Protein backbone atom coordinates (compact mmCIF):
# COMPACT_ATOMS: atom_id res chain seq x y z
CA MET A 1 -1.06 -1.50 -16.39
CA GLU A 2 -1.81 -4.72 -14.49
CA LYS A 3 -5.30 -4.78 -16.00
CA LEU A 4 -3.78 -4.42 -19.48
CA ILE A 5 -1.34 -7.26 -18.83
CA GLN A 6 -4.07 -9.45 -17.38
CA SER A 7 -6.20 -8.72 -20.45
CA LYS A 8 -3.34 -9.88 -22.67
CA ARG A 9 -2.96 -13.09 -20.65
CA ASP A 10 -6.69 -13.70 -20.84
CA THR A 11 -6.46 -13.33 -24.62
CA PHE A 12 -3.68 -15.93 -24.81
CA ASN A 13 -5.70 -18.31 -22.63
CA ALA A 14 -8.76 -17.79 -24.82
CA ILE A 15 -6.71 -18.65 -27.94
CA CYS A 16 -5.43 -21.82 -26.26
CA TYR A 17 -8.98 -22.70 -25.24
CA VAL A 18 -10.16 -22.50 -28.85
CA ILE A 19 -7.21 -24.59 -30.09
CA LYS A 20 -7.86 -27.30 -27.48
CA ALA A 21 -11.56 -27.38 -28.36
CA LEU A 22 -10.71 -27.86 -32.06
CA ALA A 23 -8.20 -30.56 -31.18
CA LEU A 24 -10.79 -32.48 -29.16
CA PHE A 25 -13.24 -32.24 -32.03
CA PHE A 26 -10.69 -33.78 -34.43
CA CYS A 27 -9.68 -36.40 -31.84
CA PHE A 28 -13.21 -37.65 -31.21
CA TYR A 29 -14.05 -38.03 -34.90
CA PRO A 30 -11.73 -40.99 -35.64
CA LEU A 31 -12.61 -42.61 -32.28
CA PHE A 32 -16.33 -42.56 -32.99
CA ASP A 33 -15.76 -43.60 -36.58
CA GLU A 34 -13.67 -46.59 -35.48
CA PHE A 35 -16.17 -47.56 -32.85
CA PHE A 36 -19.15 -47.63 -35.23
CA GLN A 37 -17.24 -49.43 -37.99
CA TYR A 38 -16.26 -52.29 -35.72
CA SER A 39 -19.62 -52.36 -34.02
CA ALA A 40 -21.38 -52.95 -37.33
CA LYS A 41 -19.25 -56.09 -38.02
CA ASP A 42 -19.28 -57.64 -34.56
CA SER A 43 -21.82 -59.97 -33.03
CA ALA A 44 -24.20 -58.72 -30.42
CA SER A 45 -22.12 -60.05 -27.54
CA GLN A 46 -18.91 -58.63 -28.95
CA MET A 47 -20.63 -55.34 -29.62
CA SER A 48 -21.89 -55.25 -26.02
CA VAL A 49 -18.37 -55.73 -24.59
CA ARG A 50 -16.88 -53.25 -27.00
CA SER A 51 -19.65 -50.77 -26.24
CA MET A 52 -18.93 -51.03 -22.53
CA VAL A 53 -15.21 -50.46 -23.08
CA ILE A 54 -15.70 -47.58 -25.45
CA SER A 55 -18.38 -46.06 -23.24
CA PHE A 56 -15.98 -46.23 -20.32
CA LEU A 57 -13.26 -44.58 -22.39
CA LEU A 58 -15.66 -41.90 -23.56
CA LEU A 59 -16.70 -41.25 -19.96
CA ILE A 60 -13.06 -40.71 -19.04
CA LEU A 61 -12.63 -38.40 -22.03
CA VAL A 62 -15.70 -36.38 -21.14
CA LEU A 63 -14.57 -36.02 -17.54
CA SER A 64 -11.13 -34.97 -18.74
CA ILE A 65 -12.53 -32.16 -20.89
CA TRP A 66 -12.90 -30.02 -17.76
CA LEU A 67 -9.23 -30.52 -17.07
CA VAL A 68 -8.07 -30.11 -20.66
CA LEU A 69 -10.00 -26.97 -21.46
CA GLN A 70 -9.21 -25.01 -18.29
CA PRO A 71 -7.83 -21.61 -19.46
CA ASN A 72 -5.65 -21.31 -16.35
CA GLN A 73 -2.20 -19.75 -16.53
CA THR A 74 -1.28 -20.39 -12.92
CA MET A 75 -2.36 -23.98 -12.24
CA LYS A 76 0.00 -26.13 -10.20
CA THR A 77 2.73 -28.11 -12.00
CA TRP A 78 1.22 -31.52 -11.29
CA ARG A 79 -2.09 -30.38 -12.78
CA ARG A 80 -0.31 -29.09 -15.87
CA TRP A 81 1.36 -32.44 -16.47
CA LEU A 82 -1.87 -34.32 -15.74
CA GLU A 83 -3.68 -32.21 -18.31
CA ILE A 84 -0.88 -32.72 -20.86
CA SER A 85 -0.91 -36.50 -20.22
CA VAL A 86 -4.68 -36.70 -20.71
CA PHE A 87 -4.51 -34.65 -23.90
CA TYR A 88 -1.59 -36.75 -25.15
CA GLY A 89 -3.54 -39.95 -24.44
CA ILE A 90 -6.54 -38.66 -26.42
CA CYS A 91 -4.35 -37.74 -29.40
CA PHE A 92 -2.50 -41.06 -29.30
CA ALA A 93 -5.78 -43.03 -29.12
CA SER A 94 -7.17 -41.13 -32.10
CA ILE A 95 -4.04 -41.84 -34.17
CA TYR A 96 -3.83 -45.49 -33.08
CA PHE A 97 -7.48 -46.36 -33.80
CA SER A 98 -7.46 -44.49 -37.12
CA GLY A 99 -4.66 -46.55 -38.66
CA GLY A 100 -1.57 -46.17 -36.47
CA TYR A 101 1.48 -45.54 -38.66
CA ASN A 102 -0.88 -45.07 -41.63
CA SER A 103 -3.21 -42.64 -39.78
CA ASN A 104 -4.19 -39.35 -41.36
CA TYR A 105 -4.57 -37.78 -37.90
CA LYS A 106 -0.90 -37.48 -36.90
CA PHE A 107 -1.26 -33.71 -37.21
CA LEU A 108 -3.21 -33.73 -33.93
CA PHE A 109 0.07 -33.44 -32.02
CA ILE A 110 0.58 -29.99 -33.53
CA PHE A 111 -2.33 -28.72 -31.41
CA MET A 112 -0.52 -29.82 -28.25
CA VAL A 113 2.79 -28.31 -29.35
CA VAL A 114 1.18 -24.94 -30.15
CA THR A 115 -1.12 -24.60 -27.11
CA TYR A 116 1.31 -25.67 -24.41
CA THR A 117 4.24 -23.73 -25.86
CA ILE A 118 2.08 -20.59 -25.85
CA GLN A 119 0.78 -21.24 -22.34
CA TYR A 120 3.85 -22.54 -20.55
CA GLY A 121 6.88 -21.80 -22.72
CA MET A 122 9.54 -23.47 -24.84
CA LYS A 123 10.46 -26.14 -22.27
CA TYR A 124 6.99 -27.66 -22.36
CA GLY A 125 6.82 -27.37 -26.14
CA LEU A 126 10.11 -29.23 -26.67
CA ILE A 127 9.14 -32.00 -24.23
CA ILE A 128 5.85 -32.53 -26.06
CA THR A 129 7.69 -32.39 -29.41
CA THR A 130 10.07 -35.11 -28.22
CA ALA A 131 7.20 -37.31 -27.00
CA ALA A 132 5.24 -36.83 -30.25
CA ALA A 133 8.29 -37.55 -32.44
CA THR A 134 9.11 -40.67 -30.42
CA THR A 135 5.52 -41.90 -30.77
CA LEU A 136 5.24 -41.30 -34.52
CA LEU A 137 8.67 -42.65 -35.46
CA GLY A 138 8.29 -45.55 -33.03
CA MET A 139 5.07 -46.63 -34.74
CA ASP A 140 6.84 -46.41 -38.11
CA LEU A 141 9.78 -48.56 -36.96
CA PHE A 142 8.26 -51.05 -34.55
CA THR A 143 4.65 -51.67 -35.57
CA PRO A 144 4.10 -55.48 -35.62
CA GLY A 145 3.66 -56.94 -39.09
CA VAL A 146 5.58 -54.18 -40.84
CA GLU A 147 8.90 -55.24 -42.27
CA GLY A 148 11.74 -52.71 -42.42
CA VAL A 149 11.03 -49.02 -42.28
CA SER A 150 7.47 -47.81 -42.84
CA ALA A 151 6.84 -45.85 -46.01
CA SER A 152 5.53 -42.97 -43.88
CA PHE A 153 8.78 -42.70 -41.84
CA GLN A 154 10.20 -39.94 -44.04
CA SER A 155 7.09 -37.74 -43.77
CA ASP A 156 6.81 -38.39 -40.02
CA PHE A 157 10.46 -37.48 -39.58
CA ALA A 158 9.83 -34.20 -41.41
CA MET A 159 6.71 -33.61 -39.31
CA SER A 160 8.73 -34.14 -36.11
CA ILE A 161 11.28 -31.56 -37.26
CA MET A 162 8.40 -29.18 -37.98
CA PHE A 163 7.08 -29.75 -34.45
CA GLY A 164 10.49 -28.81 -33.06
CA ILE A 165 10.76 -25.68 -35.20
CA ILE A 166 7.28 -24.53 -34.20
CA SER A 167 7.94 -25.10 -30.49
CA TYR A 168 11.26 -23.23 -30.73
CA ILE A 169 9.83 -20.23 -32.62
CA LEU A 170 6.74 -19.99 -30.43
CA GLY A 171 8.85 -20.53 -27.31
CA ARG A 172 11.17 -17.67 -28.27
CA TYR A 173 8.18 -15.44 -28.94
CA VAL A 174 6.59 -16.34 -25.59
CA ARG A 175 9.89 -15.66 -23.81
CA LEU A 176 10.24 -12.26 -25.48
CA GLU A 177 6.63 -11.47 -24.67
CA THR A 178 7.16 -12.45 -21.03
CA GLU A 179 10.29 -10.32 -20.80
CA HIS A 180 8.37 -7.42 -22.37
CA ILE A 181 5.55 -7.83 -19.85
CA ASN A 182 8.01 -7.99 -16.96
CA GLU A 183 9.71 -4.82 -18.21
CA LEU A 184 6.34 -3.08 -18.48
CA MET A 185 5.54 -4.21 -14.95
CA ARG A 186 8.89 -2.88 -13.74
CA LEU A 187 8.32 0.47 -15.42
CA ALA A 188 4.79 0.64 -14.07
CA ASN A 189 5.61 -0.40 -10.51
CA TYR A 190 9.13 0.87 -9.80
CA ASP A 191 10.64 4.29 -9.31
CA GLY A 192 13.33 4.81 -11.95
CA LEU A 193 15.79 6.58 -9.65
CA THR A 194 15.68 4.56 -6.42
CA ASN A 195 14.39 1.23 -7.80
CA LEU A 196 11.87 1.11 -4.96
CA PHE A 197 8.18 0.61 -5.68
CA ASN A 198 6.50 3.82 -6.81
CA HIS A 199 3.53 5.82 -5.55
CA ARG A 200 1.02 4.00 -7.77
CA TYR A 201 2.15 0.57 -6.63
CA PHE A 202 2.16 1.70 -3.00
CA HIS A 203 -1.59 2.30 -3.07
CA GLU A 204 -2.26 -1.02 -4.82
CA ALA A 205 -0.09 -2.93 -2.34
CA MET A 206 -1.51 -1.03 0.63
CA GLU A 207 -5.09 -1.81 -0.33
CA ARG A 208 -4.25 -5.46 -1.02
CA GLN A 209 -2.40 -5.92 2.29
CA TRP A 210 -5.07 -4.06 4.24
CA LYS A 211 -7.88 -6.26 2.85
CA LEU A 212 -5.85 -9.40 3.57
CA THR A 213 -5.29 -8.21 7.13
CA GLN A 214 -9.00 -7.49 7.59
CA GLU A 215 -9.92 -10.98 6.36
CA ASN A 216 -7.38 -12.70 8.61
CA ASN A 217 -7.90 -10.38 11.58
CA GLY A 218 -4.15 -9.75 11.52
CA SER A 219 -1.92 -6.73 11.93
CA ILE A 220 -0.15 -4.43 9.51
CA ALA A 221 2.09 -1.43 10.14
CA LEU A 222 3.00 1.52 7.95
CA LEU A 223 6.07 3.74 8.05
CA MET A 224 6.00 7.16 6.44
CA MET A 225 9.33 8.99 6.29
CA ASP A 226 10.69 12.26 4.99
CA ILE A 227 14.28 13.49 4.56
CA ASP A 228 14.97 16.45 6.83
CA TYR A 229 16.09 19.73 5.22
CA PHE A 230 16.25 18.10 1.79
CA LYS A 231 15.38 21.30 -0.08
CA MET A 232 18.21 23.08 1.70
CA TYR A 233 20.59 20.25 0.77
CA ASN A 234 19.47 20.37 -2.88
CA ASP A 235 19.93 24.13 -3.05
CA ILE A 236 23.44 23.92 -1.60
CA CYS A 237 24.83 20.72 -3.17
CA GLY A 238 22.80 20.54 -6.38
CA HIS A 239 20.10 18.22 -7.65
CA GLN A 240 22.52 15.53 -8.88
CA GLN A 241 23.89 15.11 -5.38
CA GLY A 242 20.32 15.20 -4.13
CA ASP A 243 19.50 12.27 -6.42
CA ARG A 244 22.46 10.36 -4.96
CA ILE A 245 21.08 10.97 -1.48
CA LEU A 246 17.68 9.60 -2.53
CA THR A 247 19.35 6.49 -3.95
CA LEU A 248 21.48 6.09 -0.81
CA ILE A 249 18.49 6.31 1.52
CA ALA A 250 16.51 3.89 -0.64
CA GLY A 251 19.34 1.37 -0.21
CA LEU A 252 19.45 1.94 3.56
CA ILE A 253 15.69 1.40 3.79
CA ARG A 254 15.99 -1.93 1.95
CA GLU A 255 18.93 -3.02 4.12
CA ASN A 256 17.07 -2.31 7.34
CA THR A 257 13.71 -3.86 6.47
CA ARG A 258 12.66 -7.47 5.97
CA ALA A 259 12.25 -9.48 2.77
CA ASP A 260 8.43 -9.31 2.82
CA ASP A 261 8.24 -5.57 3.57
CA VAL A 262 7.12 -3.34 0.68
CA CYS A 263 9.52 -0.39 0.33
CA CYS A 264 8.24 2.53 -1.77
CA ARG A 265 9.23 6.00 -2.84
CA TYR A 266 6.02 7.83 -2.01
CA GLY A 267 7.04 11.03 -3.79
CA GLY A 268 9.85 13.59 -3.80
CA GLU A 269 11.93 13.02 -0.68
CA GLU A 270 9.19 11.01 1.05
CA PHE A 271 9.32 7.22 1.43
CA ALA A 272 6.92 4.60 2.78
CA VAL A 273 7.28 1.01 3.97
CA ILE A 274 4.38 -1.43 4.35
CA LEU A 275 5.09 -3.97 7.12
CA PRO A 276 2.81 -7.05 6.93
CA ASP A 277 2.11 -9.03 10.13
CA THR A 278 3.78 -6.37 12.27
CA GLY A 279 2.74 -4.79 15.56
CA VAL A 280 3.46 -1.28 16.77
CA ASP A 281 6.52 -2.19 18.87
CA GLU A 282 8.30 -4.08 16.09
CA ALA A 283 7.43 -1.35 13.58
CA GLY A 284 8.92 1.24 15.93
CA MET A 285 12.17 -0.75 16.17
CA ILE A 286 12.43 -1.03 12.39
CA ALA A 287 11.78 2.71 12.05
CA GLU A 288 14.46 3.53 14.63
CA ARG A 289 16.90 1.24 12.82
CA ILE A 290 16.31 3.13 9.58
CA ARG A 291 16.69 6.50 11.33
CA MET A 292 20.01 5.51 12.87
CA ALA A 293 21.31 4.05 9.59
CA VAL A 294 20.57 7.31 7.76
CA MET A 295 22.10 9.46 10.50
CA ASN A 296 25.27 7.34 10.57
CA ALA A 297 25.74 7.48 6.78
CA GLU A 298 28.52 9.85 5.76
CA VAL A 299 27.54 11.96 2.78
CA GLU A 300 29.07 14.82 0.89
CA GLY A 301 27.88 18.23 2.07
CA GLU A 302 26.39 17.03 5.36
CA GLU A 303 28.29 19.74 7.21
CA TYR A 304 25.90 22.31 5.70
CA LEU A 305 22.86 20.71 7.33
CA PRO A 306 21.55 21.96 10.73
CA ASN A 307 22.34 18.66 12.46
CA ARG A 308 25.71 18.38 10.69
CA CYS A 309 24.56 15.03 9.35
CA LEU A 310 21.85 13.62 7.10
CA THR A 311 18.69 12.81 9.05
CA ILE A 312 15.22 11.49 8.41
CA SER A 313 11.93 11.73 10.31
CA LEU A 314 9.52 8.80 10.51
CA GLY A 315 5.87 8.31 11.42
CA VAL A 316 4.49 4.90 12.46
CA ALA A 317 0.88 3.71 12.43
CA VAL A 318 -0.85 0.33 12.67
CA ASN A 319 -4.23 -0.86 11.46
CA ASP A 320 -7.38 -0.49 13.48
CA ARG A 321 -10.35 -2.85 13.33
CA ASP A 322 -12.66 0.15 12.96
CA ASP A 323 -10.89 1.45 9.83
CA ALA A 324 -13.26 1.83 6.90
CA ASN A 325 -10.35 1.62 4.44
CA TYR A 326 -6.57 1.79 4.32
CA ASN A 327 -6.63 5.59 3.85
CA GLU A 328 -7.50 6.03 7.51
CA MET A 329 -4.34 4.18 8.47
CA LEU A 330 -2.38 6.23 5.94
CA ASN A 331 -3.71 9.44 7.50
CA ARG A 332 -2.58 8.28 10.94
CA ALA A 333 0.93 7.51 9.67
CA ASP A 334 1.00 10.90 7.96
CA SER A 335 -0.07 12.59 11.19
CA ALA A 336 2.69 10.79 13.07
CA LEU A 337 5.17 12.00 10.44
CA TYR A 338 3.89 15.56 10.95
CA ARG A 339 4.63 15.23 14.64
CA ALA A 340 8.07 13.74 13.99
CA LYS A 341 9.04 16.63 11.71
CA TYR A 342 7.50 19.30 13.91
CA LEU A 343 10.04 21.43 15.80
CA ARG A 344 13.22 19.33 15.80
CA LYS A 345 12.87 16.48 13.26
CA ASN A 346 15.23 13.45 13.22
CA ARG A 347 13.01 11.17 15.27
CA VAL A 348 10.43 8.39 15.14
CA GLU A 349 6.90 9.25 16.20
CA THR A 350 4.30 6.53 16.69
CA TYR A 351 0.71 7.63 16.15
CA GLN A 352 -1.35 7.64 19.29
CA ASN A 353 -4.75 9.21 19.50
CA VAL A 354 -5.12 11.53 22.43
CA PHE A 355 -8.07 9.44 23.68
CA ASP A 356 -5.99 6.25 23.71
CA ARG A 357 -3.44 7.72 26.11
CA PHE A 358 -5.71 7.56 29.12
CA GLU A 359 -6.74 4.00 29.88
CA ASP A 360 -8.21 4.80 33.29
CA LEU A 361 -11.16 6.77 31.94
CA ASP A 362 -14.54 5.73 33.29
CA GLU A 363 -17.16 4.40 30.87
CA LYS A 364 -19.18 7.62 31.06
CA THR A 365 -16.20 9.74 29.96
CA LYS A 366 -15.24 7.25 27.24
CA ASP A 367 -18.78 7.39 25.84
CA ALA A 368 -18.65 11.17 25.90
CA LEU A 369 -15.36 11.24 24.00
CA LEU A 370 -16.69 8.82 21.40
CA SER A 371 -19.63 11.14 20.85
CA VAL A 372 -17.45 14.08 19.88
CA ARG A 373 -14.73 12.22 17.93
CA GLY A 374 -17.09 11.90 14.98
CA LEU A 375 -17.75 15.64 15.00
CA VAL A 376 -14.02 16.40 15.04
CA GLY A 377 -13.57 14.00 12.14
CA ILE A 378 -16.17 15.91 10.11
CA ILE A 379 -14.24 19.16 10.62
CA ASN A 380 -10.97 17.51 9.63
CA VAL A 381 -12.48 16.21 6.39
CA ARG A 382 -13.83 19.66 5.52
CA ASP A 383 -10.59 21.54 6.24
CA ASP A 384 -7.14 19.96 5.87
CA TYR A 385 -5.48 22.88 7.65
CA THR A 386 -7.64 22.47 10.75
CA TYR A 387 -6.78 18.75 10.85
CA SER A 388 -3.01 19.32 10.71
CA HIS A 389 -3.29 22.35 13.00
CA THR A 390 -5.12 20.31 15.63
CA GLU A 391 -2.46 17.58 15.60
CA ARG A 392 0.31 20.15 16.08
CA VAL A 393 -1.53 22.00 18.86
CA VAL A 394 -2.04 18.72 20.72
CA PHE A 395 1.69 18.01 20.33
CA CYS A 396 2.69 21.43 21.71
CA CYS A 397 0.28 21.10 24.63
CA ASP A 398 1.73 17.69 25.40
CA LEU A 399 5.26 19.13 25.45
CA ALA A 400 4.17 21.98 27.72
CA ALA A 401 2.24 19.68 30.08
CA LYS A 402 5.26 17.44 30.54
CA TYR A 403 7.68 20.35 30.99
CA ILE A 404 5.47 22.21 33.47
CA GLY A 405 4.69 19.00 35.34
CA LEU A 406 0.90 19.09 35.20
CA THR A 407 -1.01 16.42 37.07
CA GLU A 408 -2.41 13.46 35.15
CA GLU A 409 -5.90 14.92 35.43
CA ASP A 410 -4.86 18.37 34.16
CA SER A 411 -2.76 16.86 31.35
CA ARG A 412 -5.75 14.83 30.22
CA ALA A 413 -8.05 17.86 30.29
CA LEU A 414 -5.52 20.00 28.39
CA LEU A 415 -4.90 17.43 25.62
CA ILE A 416 -8.59 16.65 25.14
CA SER A 417 -9.35 20.39 25.02
CA ALA A 418 -6.56 20.86 22.45
CA TYR A 419 -8.04 18.10 20.33
CA MET A 420 -11.50 19.67 20.46
CA HIS A 421 -10.67 23.37 20.57
CA ASP A 422 -11.97 24.01 17.02
CA ILE A 423 -15.07 21.81 17.26
CA GLY A 424 -17.24 24.93 17.11
CA LYS A 425 -16.20 25.40 13.46
CA ILE A 426 -18.49 22.55 12.44
CA ASN A 427 -21.27 24.99 11.49
CA ILE A 428 -19.02 27.44 9.64
CA PRO A 429 -19.30 27.14 5.83
CA ARG A 430 -16.35 25.38 4.20
CA GLU A 431 -15.66 28.29 1.86
CA VAL A 432 -15.08 30.50 4.91
CA LEU A 433 -12.77 27.95 6.55
CA ILE A 434 -10.57 27.59 3.47
CA SER A 435 -10.76 31.21 2.30
CA ASN A 436 -7.54 32.43 0.63
CA GLY A 437 -8.09 36.08 1.39
CA ARG A 438 -8.94 38.30 4.31
CA LEU A 439 -12.37 37.57 5.74
CA LYS A 440 -15.27 39.96 5.41
CA GLU A 441 -16.64 41.42 8.63
CA GLU A 442 -19.63 39.06 8.75
CA GLU A 443 -17.34 36.09 8.08
CA TRP A 444 -14.96 37.20 10.81
CA GLN A 445 -17.86 37.49 13.27
CA MET A 446 -18.83 33.95 12.29
CA ILE A 447 -15.31 32.73 13.10
CA LYS A 448 -15.28 34.59 16.44
CA ARG A 449 -18.40 32.71 17.55
CA HIS A 450 -16.76 29.27 17.26
CA PRO A 451 -15.42 29.14 20.89
CA ASP A 452 -18.96 29.66 22.26
CA ALA A 453 -20.33 27.19 19.69
CA GLY A 454 -17.77 24.64 20.86
CA LYS A 455 -18.78 25.22 24.49
CA THR A 456 -22.44 24.69 23.57
CA ILE A 457 -21.72 21.42 21.76
CA LEU A 458 -19.51 20.02 24.52
CA GLY A 459 -21.78 21.29 27.28
CA GLN A 460 -24.56 19.05 26.04
CA ILE A 461 -22.45 15.95 26.63
CA ALA A 462 -22.31 14.56 30.15
CA GLY A 463 -18.90 14.83 31.78
CA MET A 464 -17.53 17.44 29.38
CA ASP A 465 -18.27 20.62 31.34
CA ALA A 466 -14.64 21.35 32.29
CA ILE A 467 -13.45 20.70 28.72
CA ALA A 468 -16.21 22.96 27.37
CA GLU A 469 -15.04 25.83 29.60
CA ILE A 470 -11.40 25.53 28.44
CA VAL A 471 -12.45 25.40 24.78
CA ALA A 472 -14.65 28.47 25.23
CA GLN A 473 -11.72 30.51 26.56
CA HIS A 474 -8.89 29.60 24.17
CA HIS A 475 -9.21 32.93 22.28
CA GLU A 476 -9.39 35.13 25.37
CA ARG A 477 -6.46 37.52 26.02
CA TYR A 478 -4.68 38.25 29.27
CA ASP A 479 -5.40 41.98 28.79
CA GLY A 480 -9.12 41.38 28.25
CA LYS A 481 -9.16 42.22 24.54
CA GLY A 482 -9.90 38.67 23.37
CA TYR A 483 -13.17 36.97 22.46
CA PRO A 484 -15.88 35.84 22.90
CA ASN A 485 -16.37 37.19 26.46
CA GLY A 486 -13.45 39.59 27.02
CA LEU A 487 -12.11 37.74 30.08
CA SER A 488 -8.78 38.88 31.52
CA GLY A 489 -6.03 37.87 33.95
CA ASP A 490 -6.94 35.14 36.42
CA GLN A 491 -10.48 34.98 35.03
CA ILE A 492 -9.04 32.81 32.26
CA HIS A 493 -8.65 29.11 33.07
CA PRO A 494 -4.91 28.24 33.42
CA LEU A 495 -5.24 25.34 30.95
CA ALA A 496 -6.95 27.67 28.48
CA SER A 497 -3.91 29.99 28.79
CA ILE A 498 -1.60 27.11 27.80
CA LEU A 499 -3.92 26.12 24.95
CA THR A 500 -3.88 29.73 23.70
CA LEU A 501 -0.08 29.69 23.60
CA ALA A 502 0.05 26.43 21.64
CA ASP A 503 -2.68 27.59 19.25
CA SER A 504 -0.94 30.92 18.59
CA PHE A 505 2.52 29.37 18.24
CA ASP A 506 1.30 26.96 15.56
CA ALA A 507 -0.62 29.68 13.73
CA MET A 508 2.54 31.81 13.56
CA THR A 509 4.85 29.00 12.39
CA ASN A 510 2.68 27.75 9.52
CA ASP A 511 1.64 29.41 6.28
CA ARG A 512 -1.78 30.99 6.18
CA PRO A 513 -3.39 32.70 3.16
CA TYR A 514 -3.21 36.07 4.93
CA GLN A 515 0.05 35.57 6.85
CA ALA A 516 3.53 34.26 5.99
CA ARG A 517 4.99 31.73 8.38
CA ARG A 518 7.57 32.75 10.95
CA SER A 519 10.56 30.79 12.17
CA TYR A 520 10.28 29.06 15.54
CA LYS A 521 12.71 31.59 16.99
CA ASP A 522 10.68 34.55 15.74
CA ALA A 523 7.43 33.01 16.98
CA LEU A 524 8.87 32.50 20.46
CA GLU A 525 10.15 36.06 20.42
CA GLU A 526 6.65 37.26 19.51
CA ILE A 527 5.19 35.29 22.44
CA ARG A 528 7.81 36.84 24.72
CA ARG A 529 6.97 40.32 23.40
CA CYS A 530 3.22 39.80 23.92
CA SER A 531 3.63 38.28 27.38
CA GLY A 532 1.48 40.16 29.88
CA ARG A 533 -0.80 41.48 27.15
CA GLN A 534 -2.05 38.65 24.96
CA PHE A 535 -0.56 35.80 27.00
CA ASN A 536 -0.41 34.93 30.67
CA PRO A 537 3.23 35.83 31.59
CA LYS A 538 3.72 32.84 33.89
CA TYR A 539 2.68 30.25 31.32
CA ALA A 540 4.25 32.15 28.43
CA ALA A 541 7.68 31.83 30.06
CA LEU A 542 7.16 28.12 30.77
CA PHE A 543 5.85 27.47 27.26
CA ILE A 544 8.88 29.21 25.69
CA GLU A 545 11.22 27.11 27.85
CA ALA A 546 9.40 23.90 26.86
CA ILE A 547 9.68 24.63 23.14
CA GLU A 548 13.31 25.73 23.38
CA ASP A 549 14.13 22.56 25.32
CA GLU A 550 12.57 20.46 22.57
CA LEU A 551 14.36 22.38 19.82
CA SER A 552 17.70 21.77 21.52
CA LYS A 553 17.28 17.99 21.13
CA ASP A 554 18.59 17.71 17.56
CA GLY A 555 19.71 14.10 18.03
CA SER A 556 23.16 14.68 16.53
CA ASP A 557 24.83 13.54 19.75
CA LEU A 558 23.45 10.04 19.06
CA ARG A 559 25.52 9.60 15.93
CA LYS A 560 28.01 6.78 16.18
CA THR A 561 31.65 7.51 15.48
């Protein structure tokens, strides 16, 4: 749409360019004609002086052509008036030297009226019309040596009225055209229901702001947010009430953001806000302000929602100097939103890569982690499920580590292992990873080899031996019926037992092609049932307690009364 509008503006500018070029052609003709006529009658000395004066004037005119013919819609006001003054001076000189009140070139002013009304609107056209009429009628009334009213006064008066009519008609047309363009822009850029910017505009603005930030080495933050239990609310209260909720939340987002922030409806019940020149801490405060405003809003039917009030989950991400494009930042914000909505919702989650959480890593370990991050990224690109699954497993492991009270060293090992636990899938064909049906036996055997493959990859990197061992064991079972090595009981690394619980819990609570998702309650019950067989009973009990503790934090007690 913007390209279409810009094309239309370029067409208008091209028309004005042609009109100005024609006007200059007509203006120069009487000037040159006058110059050569007088030059032929004058003496050599007079001709020399006149030639110098005219040459100087012509030099000014030539230099002014650059200014006059610029097809620029957005030039500064002082440049506009300078251009108009130069053009007016050229037209006046042509009329004056070709006979003044008797000139046949008075029509030259019509070029100015037409071009500048089209380019800049009725106001400019009427000002030029007034100046032209004053000039023409003034020459008719006050030219020295002319007694009374000039014989051409009547025709010049009619011409002045014509100038005014043309500027008015063209000005009205330009105004209507501008209003039409603005309406097209509104329809193209805004969501009709919420009056926020729409999905299409979000990507344009995001790319523009990201490039600007890269050039200026600045900062930019992104909020992604999603209304909690919105489908449930729609089913209970109806879609009309659902639309009112969308409009309400759009208003709350605008009220709790700044004037320069770009607020968008990303799609459905999902919103996004682009925050220019904003760091992670300030973005987090803005996100929390929006969350609280939504939770404190009283809406019809809120008593049917799990939290007994309307809530929203938000993910926060900031730009990174290593980002290849803005989509990487968008993926981070989306991942943070996944974490915010996972388990209990109604919270703000700031994206933090698992590797960034441990600042005390030695250079050798940091280099090792950098080596495998690229491999994990390749898997994530090939399989969207694995990417989201990994983020959720890391989140669950983090919850369990904090609840159990693992040491800093063990927490680090567990989270890094969770992040890399599927790295062995890098050699598995994509069609197997994203298969919609049950796997064939040879495909299943391929999948079962990925823990050993992950151990092999990580084992080749210095400092990753412990991580490799945990990754290799995350599909082993407490009763010895797991794979790839059939380990049992205390043979399984304790951190691998926790990773197994997180991996299984996420697999049960998310849709798979061959398995319907279970509720959190049912998944925890399944873990409890399989404790002592598939799962280490000690860590199964602690994991269940950690998840239940997180689920109990619904945030409704924070609502202001």
